[in-house]
Amino acid sequence: MNDFSTPLSDTDLIVPLNPTGTAAPLVCVHASAGSAYSYLPLAHLLGGDRPVLGIEAPGFDGEQAPVPSVPDLSARYTAALGEVVTGGAVHLLGWSLGGLIVFDMARRLTAAGVGVGRVVLVDTSPPYPCPMPPEAEIAGRFLHEIAASLGMDFPAEIDTLAAGDGDANALFHQVRQLDSWPSELDADLLNDRYAVFHAHAVAAHAYEAPGRYDGPVWHLLASKSPPQGGRWAELAPDLTERTVPGDHHSIWYGDGLQQLAAHTRSALAGPAHPMRS
């Protein structure tokens, strides 16, 4: 039996969501918000024999600087996994930004001789380097993420506030004045979390995939997300696509989550991509 409950060396970013089991572990990489715990409901649905490890972003705990680069994040996580997973294959899963990171990690791991089973992208836009939007727009997206993670209705007033040209800190102070905004989410906490989110927005907008990955990749796309064209098929020729009911956030609840788990179980049932000698 594998036991991934005890972190080793520089593996403080790895969170055991389901630490024990004999199957090949599934490694789930954070989305833009930086937390690994969005994957906890999925880990519970995959079965007790499937070890599930989450990876939390540098800076999320407030003790490290956020990292604004997909390749840098990928390199760090790959090195950390090398200390924890010492034999056999791993599966990789990432939602949103996490999908870009695990795609990059899969190339690094196979080059290092680590067997990669399935790469599962969850509603991940393909990489297209592009300029960053205005600060207020990024901050507005961040507040949408916060509201969605809490399952709360998004106050319509925030979109009006975010349409201006002010900085994020000013926006957060204005949002705090809304009766509909949770009092525990004060401006200081929002600024701390936003530093991570903003770094990841920079990372996503700058990332260009260094080449294709030939191992098996599954993309689980939210039914309400816009079509993405064929870019993932170009980067991942062995691509399986499935649709999950809901939008980018609601797929993590109710029937969306159940189908997300079912498709993930199907994806992980296949053999590992052969290790390089």
C-alpha atoms as a PDB file:
ATOM      1  CA  MET A   1       0.000   0.000   0.000  1.00  0.00           C
ATOM      2  CA  ASN A   2       1.228   3.484  -0.838  1.00  0.00           C
ATOM      3  CA  ASP A   3       1.104   6.081   1.956  1.00  0.00           C
ATOM      4  CA  PHE A   4       1.272   9.726   0.879  1.00  0.00           C
ATOM      5  CA  SER A   5       0.147  11.203   4.222  1.00  0.00           C
ATOM      6  CA  THR A   6       3.559  12.547   5.287  1.00  0.00           C
ATOM      7  CA  PRO A   7       5.182  15.330   3.226  1.00  0.00           C
ATOM      8  CA  LEU A   8       8.854  14.857   2.397  1.00  0.00           C
ATOM      9  CA  SER A   9      11.552  17.482   1.950  1.00  0.00           C
ATOM     10  CA  ASP A  10      10.335  20.523  -0.041  1.00  0.00           C
ATOM     11  CA  THR A  11       6.809  19.179  -0.580  1.00  0.00           C
ATOM     12  CA  ASP A  12       4.850  21.639   1.529  1.00  0.00           C
ATOM     13  CA  LEU A  13       2.685  22.489  -1.480  1.00  0.00           C
ATOM     14  CA  ILE A  14       1.320  18.932  -1.696  1.00  0.00           C
ATOM     15  CA  VAL A  15      -1.956  18.325   0.136  1.00  0.00           C
ATOM     16  CA  PRO A  16      -3.145  14.733   0.732  1.00  0.00           C
ATOM     17  CA  LEU A  17      -6.828  14.715  -0.231  1.00  0.00           C
ATOM     18  CA  ASN A  18      -7.049  10.919  -0.070  1.00  0.00           C
ATOM     19  CA  PRO A  19      -3.619   9.817   1.183  1.00  0.00           C
ATOM     20  CA  THR A  20      -3.758   6.028   0.949  1.00  0.00           C
ATOM     21  CA  GLY A  21      -4.528   3.351  -1.638  1.00  0.00           C
ATOM     22  CA  THR A  22      -2.867   0.935  -4.029  1.00  0.00           C
ATOM     23  CA  ALA A  23      -3.911   2.476  -7.368  1.00  0.00           C
ATOM     24  CA  ALA A  24      -1.742   4.945  -9.253  1.00  0.00           C
ATOM     25  CA  PRO A  25      -2.132   8.340  -7.556  1.00  0.00           C
ATOM     26  CA  LEU A  26      -4.096  11.183  -9.099  1.00  0.00           C
ATOM     27  CA  VAL A  27      -2.386  14.561  -8.719  1.00  0.00           C
ATOM     28  CA  CYS A  28      -4.753  17.550  -8.880  1.00  0.00           C
ATOM     29  CA  VAL A  29      -3.242  20.994  -9.500  1.00  0.00           C
ATOM     30  CA  HIS A  30      -4.885  24.202  -8.273  1.00  0.00           C
ATOM     31  CA  ALA A  31      -6.831  26.604 -10.472  1.00  0.00           C
ATOM     32  CA  SER A  32      -6.262  30.382 -10.505  1.00  0.00           C
ATOM     33  CA  ALA A  33      -7.440  30.892  -6.927  1.00  0.00           C
ATOM     34  CA  GLY A  34      -4.573  28.701  -5.702  1.00  0.00           C
ATOM     35  CA  SER A  35      -6.351  26.283  -3.363  1.00  0.00           C
ATOM     36  CA  ALA A  36      -6.169  22.504  -3.729  1.00  0.00           C
ATOM     37  CA  TYR A  37      -9.302  21.880  -1.677  1.00  0.00           C
ATOM     38  CA  SER A  38     -11.709  22.498  -4.556  1.00  0.00           C
ATOM     39  CA  TYR A  39     -10.815  18.913  -5.525  1.00  0.00           C
ATOM     40  CA  LEU A  40     -11.813  17.361  -2.195  1.00  0.00           C
ATOM     41  CA  PRO A  41     -15.407  16.456  -3.258  1.00  0.00           C
ATOM     42  CA  LEU A  42     -14.019  14.780  -6.388  1.00  0.00           C
ATOM     43  CA  ALA A  43     -11.453  12.837  -4.356  1.00  0.00           C
ATOM     44  CA  HIS A  44     -14.252  11.468  -2.147  1.00  0.00           C
ATOM     45  CA  LEU A  45     -16.139  10.192  -5.201  1.00  0.00           C
ATOM     46  CA  LEU A  46     -13.222   8.392  -6.847  1.00  0.00           C
ATOM     47  CA  GLY A  47     -13.083   5.526  -4.368  1.00  0.00           C
ATOM     48  CA  GLY A  48     -10.982   4.691  -1.343  1.00  0.00           C
ATOM     49  CA  ASP A  49      -8.299   2.832  -3.305  1.00  0.00           C
ATOM     50  CA  ARG A  50      -7.316   5.884  -5.372  1.00  0.00           C
ATOM     51  CA  PRO A  51      -4.717   8.115  -3.687  1.00  0.00           C
ATOM     52  CA  VAL A  52      -5.434  11.743  -4.526  1.00  0.00           C
ATOM     53  CA  LEU A  53      -2.871  14.480  -3.964  1.00  0.00           C
ATOM     54  CA  GLY A  54      -3.656  18.161  -4.356  1.00  0.00           C
ATOM     55  CA  ILE A  55      -1.078  20.825  -5.127  1.00  0.00           C
ATOM     56  CA  GLU A  56      -1.546  24.268  -3.592  1.00  0.00           C
ATOM     57  CA  ALA A  57      -0.045  27.379  -5.139  1.00  0.00           C
ATOM     58  CA  PRO A  58       2.986  29.171  -3.686  1.00  0.00           C
ATOM     59  CA  GLY A  59       1.719  32.265  -1.910  1.00  0.00           C
ATOM     60  CA  PHE A  60      -1.695  30.866  -1.042  1.00  0.00           C
ATOM     61  CA  ASP A  61      -0.620  30.387   2.567  1.00  0.00           C
ATOM     62  CA  GLY A  62       0.845  33.893   2.693  1.00  0.00           C
ATOM     63  CA  GLU A  63       4.351  32.629   3.409  1.00  0.00           C
ATOM     64  CA  GLN A  64       5.783  32.545  -0.129  1.00  0.00           C
ATOM     65  CA  ALA A  65       5.729  34.782  -3.158  1.00  0.00           C
ATOM     66  CA  PRO A  66       3.177  33.921  -5.882  1.00  0.00           C
ATOM     67  CA  VAL A  67       4.657  32.584  -9.123  1.00  0.00           C
ATOM     68  CA  PRO A  68       3.509  34.301 -12.374  1.00  0.00           C
ATOM     69  CA  SER A  69       4.718  31.608 -14.784  1.00  0.00           C
ATOM     70  CA  VAL A  70       3.211  28.293 -15.884  1.00  0.00           C
ATOM     71  CA  PRO A  71       6.632  26.739 -16.718  1.00  0.00           C
ATOM     72  CA  ASP A  72       8.022  27.804 -13.328  1.00  0.00           C
ATOM     73  CA  LEU A  73       5.022  26.386 -11.480  1.00  0.00           C
ATOM     74  CA  SER A  74       5.228  23.195 -13.530  1.00  0.00           C
ATOM     75  CA  ALA A  75       8.938  22.757 -12.817  1.00  0.00           C
ATOM     76  CA  ARG A  76       8.437  23.257  -9.103  1.00  0.00           C
ATOM     77  CA  TYR A  77       5.550  20.811  -8.843  1.00  0.00           C
ATOM     78  CA  THR A  78       7.343  18.210 -10.946  1.00  0.00           C
ATOM     79  CA  ALA A  79      10.343  18.368  -8.622  1.00  0.00           C
ATOM     80  CA  ALA A  80       8.133  18.069  -5.535  1.00  0.00           C
ATOM     81  CA  LEU A  81       6.345  15.028  -6.958  1.00  0.00           C
ATOM     82  CA  GLY A  82       9.707  13.410  -7.614  1.00  0.00           C
ATOM     83  CA  GLU A  83      10.239  13.326  -3.852  1.00  0.00           C
ATOM     84  CA  VAL A  84       6.804  11.940  -2.987  1.00  0.00           C
ATOM     85  CA  VAL A  85       5.991   9.519  -5.811  1.00  0.00           C
ATOM     86  CA  THR A  86       9.036   7.285  -6.042  1.00  0.00           C
ATOM     87  CA  GLY A  87       7.766   4.474  -8.244  1.00  0.00           C
ATOM     88  CA  GLY A  88       5.124   3.625 -10.812  1.00  0.00           C
ATOM     89  CA  ALA A  89       2.928   6.009 -12.743  1.00  0.00           C
ATOM     90  CA  VAL A  90       0.858   9.034 -11.832  1.00  0.00           C
ATOM     91  CA  HIS A  91      -2.266  10.592 -13.284  1.00  0.00           C
ATOM     92  CA  LEU A  92      -2.622  14.374 -13.569  1.00  0.00           C
ATOM     93  CA  LEU A  93      -5.768  16.506 -13.374  1.00  0.00           C
ATOM     94  CA  GLY A  94      -6.165  20.262 -13.526  1.00  0.00           C
ATOM     95  CA  TRP A  95      -9.132  22.593 -13.653  1.00  0.00           C
ATOM     96  CA  SER A  96      -8.857  25.873 -15.576  1.00  0.00           C
ATOM     97  CA  LEU A  97      -5.293  27.191 -15.081  1.00  0.00           C
ATOM     98  CA  GLY A  98      -4.482  23.839 -13.462  1.00  0.00           C
ATOM     99  CA  GLY A  99      -5.059  22.201 -16.835  1.00  0.00           C
ATOM    100  CA  LEU A 100      -2.328  24.300 -18.436  1.00  0.00           C
ATOM    101  CA  ILE A 101       0.032  23.404 -15.599  1.00  0.00           C
ATOM    102  CA  VAL A 102      -0.605  19.638 -15.743  1.00  0.00           C
ATOM    103  CA  PHE A 103      -0.187  19.661 -19.514  1.00  0.00           C
ATOM    104  CA  ASP A 104       3.252  21.197 -19.029  1.00  0.00           C
ATOM    105  CA  MET A 105       4.002  18.798 -16.152  1.00  0.00           C
ATOM    106  CA  ALA A 106       3.149  15.764 -18.277  1.00  0.00           C
ATOM    107  CA  ARG A 107       5.876  16.679 -20.759  1.00  0.00           C
ATOM    108  CA  ARG A 108       8.406  17.191 -17.959  1.00  0.00           C
ATOM    109  CA  LEU A 109       7.520  13.984 -16.132  1.00  0.00           C
ATOM    110  CA  THR A 110       7.723  11.779 -19.208  1.00  0.00           C
ATOM    111  CA  ALA A 111      11.051  13.375 -20.148  1.00  0.00           C
ATOM    112  CA  ALA A 112      12.297  12.533 -16.636  1.00  0.00           C
ATOM    113  CA  GLY A 113      11.249   8.896 -17.004  1.00  0.00           C
ATOM    114  CA  VAL A 114       8.141   9.064 -14.819  1.00  0.00           C
ATOM    115  CA  GLY A 115       5.157   7.154 -16.163  1.00  0.00           C
ATOM    116  CA  VAL A 116       2.108   9.341 -16.787  1.00  0.00           C
ATOM    117  CA  GLY A 117      -1.246   7.632 -17.025  1.00  0.00           C
ATOM    118  CA  ARG A 118      -3.940  10.115 -17.971  1.00  0.00           C
ATOM    119  CA  VAL A 119      -3.849  13.873 -18.181  1.00  0.00           C
ATOM    120  CA  VAL A 120      -7.338  15.160 -17.363  1.00  0.00           C
ATOM    121  CA  LEU A 121      -8.106  18.776 -18.265  1.00  0.00           C
ATOM    122  CA  VAL A 122     -11.239  20.163 -16.631  1.00  0.00           C
ATOM    123  CA  ASP A 123     -12.785  23.057 -18.575  1.00  0.00           C
ATOM    124  CA  THR A 124      -9.367  24.414 -19.550  1.00  0.00           C
ATOM    125  CA  SER A 125      -9.001  27.015 -22.280  1.00  0.00           C
ATOM    126  CA  PRO A 126      -6.148  26.137 -24.651  1.00  0.00           C
ATOM    127  CA  PRO A 127      -2.988  28.230 -24.383  1.00  0.00           C
ATOM    128  CA  TYR A 128      -2.961  31.410 -26.445  1.00  0.00           C
ATOM    129  CA  PRO A 129      -0.476  34.095 -25.345  1.00  0.00           C
ATOM    130  CA  CYS A 130      -2.296  37.430 -25.226  1.00  0.00           C
ATOM    131  CA  PRO A 131      -2.112  40.820 -23.475  1.00  0.00           C
ATOM    132  CA  MET A 132      -3.423  41.162 -19.923  1.00  0.00           C
ATOM    133  CA  PRO A 133      -6.847  42.829 -19.546  1.00  0.00           C
ATOM    134  CA  PRO A 134      -7.216  46.034 -17.477  1.00  0.00           C
ATOM    135  CA  GLU A 135      -6.636  45.703 -13.734  1.00  0.00           C
ATOM    136  CA  ALA A 136     -10.280  46.297 -12.816  1.00  0.00           C
ATOM    137  CA  GLU A 137     -11.392  43.502 -15.148  1.00  0.00           C
ATOM    138  CA  ILE A 138      -8.959  41.017 -13.591  1.00  0.00           C
ATOM    139  CA  ALA A 139     -10.117  42.064 -10.110  1.00  0.00           C
ATOM    140  CA  GLY A 140     -13.733  41.606 -11.181  1.00  0.00           C
ATOM    141  CA  ARG A 141     -12.983  38.081 -12.403  1.00  0.00           C
ATOM    142  CA  PHE A 142     -11.345  37.375  -9.061  1.00  0.00           C
ATOM    143  CA  LEU A 143     -14.464  38.466  -7.159  1.00  0.00           C
ATOM    144  CA  HIS A 144     -16.579  36.247  -9.411  1.00  0.00           C
ATOM    145  CA  GLU A 145     -14.301  33.324  -8.452  1.00  0.00           C
ATOM    146  CA  ILE A 146     -14.658  34.114  -4.747  1.00  0.00           C
ATOM    147  CA  ALA A 147     -18.445  34.316  -4.960  1.00  0.00           C
ATOM    148  CA  ALA A 148     -18.698  31.090  -6.978  1.00  0.00           C
ATOM    149  CA  SER A 149     -16.450  29.207  -4.546  1.00  0.00           C
ATOM    150  CA  LEU A 150     -18.804  30.199  -1.707  1.00  0.00           C
ATOM    151  CA  GLY A 151     -21.903  29.263  -3.682  1.00  0.00           C
ATOM    152  CA  MET A 152     -23.285  32.793  -3.323  1.00  0.00           C
ATOM    153  CA  ASP A 153     -25.186  34.875  -5.845  1.00  0.00           C
ATOM    154  CA  PHE A 154     -22.852  37.413  -7.377  1.00  0.00           C
ATOM    155  CA  PRO A 155     -23.859  40.991  -6.517  1.00  0.00           C
ATOM    156  CA  ALA A 156     -24.664  42.776  -9.775  1.00  0.00           C
ATOM    157  CA  GLU A 157     -23.219  46.021  -8.395  1.00  0.00           C
ATOM    158  CA  ILE A 158     -19.705  44.546  -8.585  1.00  0.00           C
ATOM    159  CA  ASP A 159     -19.789  44.324 -12.373  1.00  0.00           C
ATOM    160  CA  THR A 160     -20.609  48.029 -12.489  1.00  0.00           C
ATOM    161  CA  LEU A 161     -17.753  48.823 -10.112  1.00  0.00           C
ATOM    162  CA  ALA A 162     -15.328  46.609 -12.047  1.00  0.00           C
ATOM    163  CA  ALA A 163     -16.176  48.375 -15.316  1.00  0.00           C
ATOM    164  CA  GLY A 164     -14.195  51.407 -14.164  1.00  0.00           C
ATOM    165  CA  ASP A 165     -10.473  52.004 -14.420  1.00  0.00           C
ATOM    166  CA  GLY A 166      -9.568  51.931 -10.715  1.00  0.00           C
ATOM    167  CA  ASP A 167      -7.094  49.615  -9.046  1.00  0.00           C
ATOM    168  CA  ALA A 168      -7.971  46.354  -7.305  1.00  0.00           C
ATOM    169  CA  ASN A 169      -7.537  47.660  -3.768  1.00  0.00           C
ATOM    170  CA  ALA A 170     -10.005  50.492  -4.367  1.00  0.00           C
ATOM    171  CA  LEU A 171     -12.489  48.026  -5.842  1.00  0.00           C
ATOM    172  CA  PHE A 172     -12.187  45.710  -2.838  1.00  0.00           C
ATOM    173  CA  HIS A 173     -12.876  48.570  -0.424  1.00  0.00           C
ATOM    174  CA  GLN A 174     -15.979  49.505  -2.433  1.00  0.00           C
ATOM    175  CA  VAL A 175     -17.181  45.896  -2.482  1.00  0.00           C
ATOM    176  CA  ARG A 176     -16.836  45.700   1.288  1.00  0.00           C
ATOM    177  CA  GLN A 177     -19.489  48.394   1.587  1.00  0.00           C
ATOM    178  CA  LEU A 178     -22.117  46.228  -0.123  1.00  0.00           C
ATOM    179  CA  ASP A 179     -24.643  44.646   2.227  1.00  0.00           C
ATOM    180  CA  SER A 180     -24.623  41.495   0.099  1.00  0.00           C
ATOM    181  CA  TRP A 181     -20.866  40.884   0.533  1.00  0.00           C
ATOM    182  CA  PRO A 182     -19.791  38.547   3.395  1.00  0.00           C
ATOM    183  CA  SER A 183     -18.309  40.594   6.240  1.00  0.00           C
ATOM    184  CA  GLU A 184     -15.500  38.082   6.876  1.00  0.00           C
ATOM    185  CA  LEU A 185     -14.060  38.745   3.407  1.00  0.00           C
ATOM    186  CA  ASP A 186     -12.382  42.023   4.290  1.00  0.00           C
ATOM    187  CA  ALA A 187     -10.142  44.077   2.016  1.00  0.00           C
ATOM    188  CA  ASP A 188      -6.906  42.730   3.539  1.00  0.00           C
ATOM    189  CA  LEU A 189      -7.885  39.109   2.903  1.00  0.00           C
ATOM    190  CA  LEU A 190      -9.060  39.947  -0.601  1.00  0.00           C
ATOM    191  CA  ASN A 191      -5.781  41.681  -1.387  1.00  0.00           C
ATOM    192  CA  ASP A 192      -3.771  38.679  -0.142  1.00  0.00           C
ATOM    193  CA  ARG A 193      -5.786  36.236  -2.232  1.00  0.00           C
ATOM    194  CA  TYR A 194      -5.774  38.564  -5.210  1.00  0.00           C
ATOM    195  CA  ALA A 195      -1.976  38.657  -5.291  1.00  0.00           C
ATOM    196  CA  VAL A 196      -2.041  34.917  -6.057  1.00  0.00           C
ATOM    197  CA  PHE A 197      -4.901  35.213  -8.543  1.00  0.00           C
ATOM    198  CA  HIS A 198      -3.223  38.093 -10.384  1.00  0.00           C
ATOM    199  CA  ALA A 199       0.083  36.199 -10.651  1.00  0.00           C
ATOM    200  CA  HIS A 200      -1.787  33.268 -12.149  1.00  0.00           C
ATOM    201  CA  ALA A 201      -3.613  35.532 -14.600  1.00  0.00           C
ATOM    202  CA  VAL A 202      -0.208  36.758 -15.779  1.00  0.00           C
ATOM    203  CA  ALA A 203       0.948  33.140 -16.069  1.00  0.00           C
ATOM    204  CA  ALA A 204      -2.077  32.049 -18.115  1.00  0.00           C
ATOM    205  CA  HIS A 205      -1.939  35.020 -20.481  1.00  0.00           C
ATOM    206  CA  ALA A 206       1.778  34.516 -21.154  1.00  0.00           C
ATOM    207  CA  TYR A 207       1.864  30.734 -21.514  1.00  0.00           C
ATOM    208  CA  GLU A 208       2.678  29.191 -24.854  1.00  0.00           C
ATOM    209  CA  ALA A 209       2.858  25.398 -24.963  1.00  0.00           C
ATOM    210  CA  PRO A 210       6.392  24.302 -25.917  1.00  0.00           C
ATOM    211  CA  GLY A 211       5.079  21.491 -28.079  1.00  0.00           C
ATOM    212  CA  ARG A 212       2.576  18.694 -28.192  1.00  0.00           C
ATOM    213  CA  TYR A 213       2.107  15.889 -25.686  1.00  0.00           C
ATOM    214  CA  ASP A 214       1.504  12.482 -27.251  1.00  0.00           C
ATOM    215  CA  GLY A 215       0.152  10.652 -24.197  1.00  0.00           C
ATOM    216  CA  PRO A 216      -3.578  10.168 -23.558  1.00  0.00           C
ATOM    217  CA  VAL A 217      -5.414  13.351 -22.594  1.00  0.00           C
ATOM    218  CA  TRP A 218      -9.044  13.752 -21.583  1.00  0.00           C
ATOM    219  CA  HIS A 219     -10.796  17.116 -21.676  1.00  0.00           C
ATOM    220  CA  LEU A 220     -13.961  17.431 -19.581  1.00  0.00           C
ATOM    221  CA  LEU A 221     -15.660  20.571 -20.863  1.00  0.00           C
ATOM    222  CA  ALA A 222     -18.539  22.356 -19.117  1.00  0.00           C
ATOM    223  CA  SER A 223     -21.620  22.339 -21.341  1.00  0.00           C
ATOM    224  CA  LYS A 224     -22.146  26.095 -20.859  1.00  0.00           C
ATOM    225  CA  SER A 225     -18.574  27.035 -21.725  1.00  0.00           C
ATOM    226  CA  PRO A 226     -17.909  28.489 -25.193  1.00  0.00           C
ATOM    227  CA  PRO A 227     -16.550  26.201 -27.936  1.00  0.00           C
ATOM    228  CA  GLN A 228     -12.770  26.029 -27.997  1.00  0.00           C
ATOM    229  CA  GLY A 229     -12.014  24.988 -31.557  1.00  0.00           C
ATOM    230  CA  GLY A 230      -9.383  22.367 -32.286  1.00  0.00           C
ATOM    231  CA  ARG A 231      -6.379  23.791 -30.433  1.00  0.00           C
ATOM    232  CA  TRP A 232      -6.265  21.015 -27.799  1.00  0.00           C
ATOM    233  CA  ALA A 233      -6.458  18.370 -30.536  1.00  0.00           C
ATOM    234  CA  GLU A 234      -3.360  19.920 -32.120  1.00  0.00           C
ATOM    235  CA  LEU A 235      -1.439  19.875 -28.846  1.00  0.00           C
ATOM    236  CA  ALA A 236      -2.741  16.490 -27.671  1.00  0.00           C
ATOM    237  CA  PRO A 237      -3.340  14.131 -30.622  1.00  0.00           C
ATOM    238  CA  ASP A 238      -4.552  11.331 -28.309  1.00  0.00           C
ATOM    239  CA  LEU A 239      -7.486  13.420 -27.059  1.00  0.00           C
ATOM    240  CA  THR A 240     -10.808  12.244 -25.617  1.00  0.00           C
ATOM    241  CA  GLU A 241     -13.472  14.897 -25.032  1.00  0.00           C
ATOM    242  CA  ARG A 242     -16.512  14.647 -22.787  1.00  0.00           C
ATOM    243  CA  THR A 243     -19.118  17.240 -21.786  1.00  0.00           C
ATOM    244  CA  VAL A 244     -20.207  17.820 -18.194  1.00  0.00           C
ATOM    245  CA  PRO A 245     -23.502  19.638 -17.449  1.00  0.00           C
ATOM    246  CA  GLY A 246     -23.095  23.120 -16.008  1.00  0.00           C
ATOM    247  CA  ASP A 247     -20.793  26.107 -16.259  1.00  0.00           C
ATOM    248  CA  HIS A 248     -17.167  26.598 -15.267  1.00  0.00           C
ATOM    249  CA  HIS A 249     -18.025  26.519 -11.542  1.00  0.00           C
ATOM    250  CA  SER A 250     -21.296  24.614 -11.228  1.00  0.00           C
ATOM    251  CA  ILE A 251     -19.698  21.419 -12.632  1.00  0.00           C
ATOM    252  CA  TRP A 252     -18.231  20.986  -9.136  1.00  0.00           C
ATOM    253  CA  TYR A 253     -21.682  20.547  -7.568  1.00  0.00           C
ATOM    254  CA  GLY A 254     -24.647  18.187  -7.860  1.00  0.00           C
ATOM    255  CA  ASP A 255     -25.102  16.264 -11.095  1.00  0.00           C
ATOM    256  CA  GLY A 256     -22.146  18.039 -12.685  1.00  0.00           C
ATOM    257  CA  LEU A 257     -19.812  16.738  -9.996  1.00  0.00           C
ATOM    258  CA  GLN A 258     -21.233  13.215 -10.269  1.00  0.00           C
ATOM    259  CA  GLN A 259     -20.613  13.152 -14.021  1.00  0.00           C
ATOM    260  CA  LEU A 260     -17.213  14.768 -13.578  1.00  0.00           C
ATOM    261  CA  ALA A 261     -16.263  11.934 -11.223  1.00  0.00           C
ATOM    262  CA  ALA A 262     -17.686   9.282 -13.555  1.00  0.00           C
ATOM    263  CA  HIS A 263     -15.700  10.583 -16.534  1.00  0.00           C
ATOM    264  CA  THR A 264     -12.572  10.855 -14.394  1.00  0.00           C
ATOM    265  CA  ARG A 265     -12.936   7.225 -13.287  1.00  0.00           C
ATOM    266  CA  SER A 266     -13.287   6.200 -16.934  1.00  0.00           C
ATOM    267  CA  ALA A 267     -10.202   8.185 -17.876  1.00  0.00           C
ATOM    268  CA  LEU A 268      -8.083   6.675 -15.102  1.00  0.00           C
ATOM    269  CA  ALA A 269      -9.071   3.135 -16.039  1.00  0.00           C
ATOM    270  CA  GLY A 270      -6.670   3.110 -18.997  1.00  0.00           C
ATOM    271  CA  PRO A 271      -3.021   1.989 -18.945  1.00  0.00           C
ATOM    272  CA  ALA A 272      -0.168   4.379 -18.245  1.00  0.00           C
ATOM    273  CA  HIS A 273       1.805   6.082 -20.993  1.00  0.00           C
ATOM    274  CA  PRO A 274       5.078   4.117 -21.266  1.00  0.00           C
ATOM    275  CA  MET A 275       8.074   5.497 -19.372  1.00  0.00           C
ATOM    276  CA  ARG A 276      11.102   6.560 -21.360  1.00  0.00           C
ATOM    277  CA  SER A 277      14.224   4.576 -20.750  1.00  0.00           C
END
